[in-house]
Structures are given as structure tokens and as C-alpha cells.
Amino acid sequence: MARALATQPRVILLDEVLAGLNPSEIQQALELIEKIRSQFQITLFWIEHVMGAIMKASDRVIVLDQGQKIKEGKPKDVVSDPRVIEAYLGEENA
């Protein structure tokens, strides 16, 4: 990430950066990511499966299910959408 920041980008792609981290490390990573966003005013395009972290750290979320966009918007709106719940938790929980 430091190398990418050295090039003064406007956008950075993060791909599963929280994978394998414990809760303490996830919190530290979220703090670093927020600092990067605010200090450098960089847009982050972030692919992640740690939904709690995404919901805390994102202004806007796009949810894909089998390559198809099923919802886009503010995290609180996305997480309550029945299609998102069905895609991630199964039909019986939708």
C-alpha cells in the first residue's frame, strides 16, 4: 500500500485486505484505511467479505451475487435489502 501511495493515486483497489486478520488487526487496518481516505483524499475500490468492516468503513456499497449487481447504495440501505440477505444468508433467512 505504501508503494501505491507513493505514486499519488486518485484511486486504490483493495482486494480482501482483511482476510486472515484477527478482530484486533481488522480494527487497526480499518483505522489505517480511514486515515488514508481522509488524509490523502483517495477513493478506495474495496473488494471484501468481512461485511461488518465494509459497513463501518464505506460511504457506498455495491453488492454482487454471482457476478450480477443486486444492490447499490448507502450501507444501511444495502444491508437491509431482502435480495442481499437472501444472497448472503440464504433464502430461509431472507
Protein backbone atom coordinates (compact mmCIF):
# COMPACT_ATOMS: atom_id res chain seq x y z
CA MET A 1 0.00 0.00 0.00
CA ALA A 2 2.91 2.34 0.74
CA ARG A 3 4.20 1.86 -2.79
CA ALA A 4 0.81 2.68 -4.23
CA LEU A 5 0.53 5.83 -2.10
CA ALA A 6 3.96 6.97 -3.28
CA THR A 7 2.56 7.34 -6.80
CA GLN A 8 -0.10 9.79 -5.52
CA PRO A 9 -3.05 7.89 -6.99
CA ARG A 10 -6.65 9.13 -7.03
CA VAL A 11 -8.00 5.56 -6.68
CA ILE A 12 -6.62 2.45 -4.97
CA LEU A 13 -8.01 -1.07 -5.35
CA LEU A 14 -8.01 -3.14 -2.17
CA ASP A 15 -8.70 -6.85 -2.62
CA GLU A 16 -9.54 -8.86 0.52
CA VAL A 17 -7.08 -6.93 2.68
CA LEU A 18 -8.76 -8.13 5.89
CA ALA A 19 -8.63 -11.84 5.04
CA GLY A 20 -6.98 -13.84 7.77
CA LEU A 21 -6.78 -10.99 10.27
CA ASN A 22 -7.99 -11.31 13.83
CA PRO A 23 -10.51 -8.74 15.21
CA SER A 24 -7.77 -6.53 16.69
CA GLU A 25 -5.86 -6.48 13.41
CA ILE A 26 -9.07 -5.74 11.49
CA GLN A 27 -9.67 -2.70 13.72
CA GLN A 28 -6.11 -1.48 13.13
CA ALA A 29 -6.49 -1.96 9.37
CA LEU A 30 -9.80 -0.04 9.38
CA GLU A 31 -8.15 2.84 11.23
CA LEU A 32 -5.31 2.90 8.70
CA ILE A 33 -7.70 2.78 5.75
CA GLU A 34 -9.78 5.65 7.18
CA LYS A 35 -6.62 7.68 7.74
CA ILE A 36 -5.57 7.11 4.13
CA ARG A 37 -9.02 8.11 2.86
CA SER A 38 -9.14 11.31 4.87
CA GLN A 39 -5.50 12.40 4.74
CA PHE A 40 -4.87 11.69 1.06
CA GLN A 41 -8.47 12.07 -0.17
CA ILE A 42 -8.20 8.87 -2.16
CA THR A 43 -11.11 6.83 -3.44
CA LEU A 44 -10.87 3.20 -2.41
CA PHE A 45 -12.44 0.48 -4.51
CA TRP A 46 -12.56 -2.32 -1.98
CA ILE A 47 -13.45 -5.96 -2.52
CA GLU A 48 -14.07 -7.61 0.83
CA HIS A 49 -16.05 -10.37 2.52
CA VAL A 50 -15.75 -9.02 6.06
CA MET A 51 -19.15 -7.33 5.89
CA GLY A 52 -19.03 -5.69 9.31
CA ALA A 53 -15.88 -3.84 8.33
CA ILE A 54 -17.28 -2.80 4.97
CA MET A 55 -20.44 -1.48 6.59
CA LYS A 56 -18.41 0.63 9.04
CA ALA A 57 -15.85 1.96 6.58
CA SER A 58 -17.85 2.61 3.41
CA ASP A 59 -19.85 5.55 2.16
CA ARG A 60 -21.31 3.48 -0.67
CA VAL A 61 -21.63 -0.27 -1.23
CA ILE A 62 -22.27 -2.37 -4.32
CA VAL A 63 -23.33 -5.98 -3.73
CA LEU A 64 -22.74 -8.63 -6.37
CA ASP A 65 -24.32 -12.08 -6.45
CA GLN A 66 -22.84 -14.47 -8.99
CA GLY A 67 -21.40 -11.54 -10.93
CA GLN A 68 -24.65 -9.57 -11.07
CA LYS A 69 -25.22 -6.31 -9.21
CA ILE A 70 -28.18 -6.78 -6.88
CA LYS A 71 -27.97 -3.61 -4.77
CA GLU A 72 -26.09 -0.33 -4.61
CA GLY A 73 -26.31 2.47 -2.09
CA LYS A 74 -25.57 3.51 1.47
CA PRO A 75 -24.51 0.62 3.73
CA LYS A 76 -27.61 0.83 5.96
CA ASP A 77 -29.89 0.59 2.92
CA VAL A 78 -27.94 -2.23 1.30
CA VAL A 79 -27.72 -4.45 4.37
CA SER A 80 -31.49 -4.42 4.88
CA ASP A 81 -32.37 -5.35 1.29
CA PRO A 82 -34.08 -8.80 1.10
CA ARG A 83 -32.08 -9.75 -2.02
CA VAL A 84 -28.80 -9.08 -0.20
CA ILE A 85 -29.94 -11.03 2.85
CA GLU A 86 -31.01 -13.95 0.66
CA ALA A 87 -27.75 -13.93 -1.32
CA TYR A 88 -25.55 -13.90 1.78
CA LEU A 89 -27.61 -15.71 4.41
CA GLY A 90 -29.84 -17.98 2.34
CA GLU A 91 -33.48 -17.90 1.37
CA GLU A 92 -34.74 -19.17 4.74
CA ASN A 93 -33.26 -16.08 6.45
CA ALA A 94 -34.50 -13.52 3.92
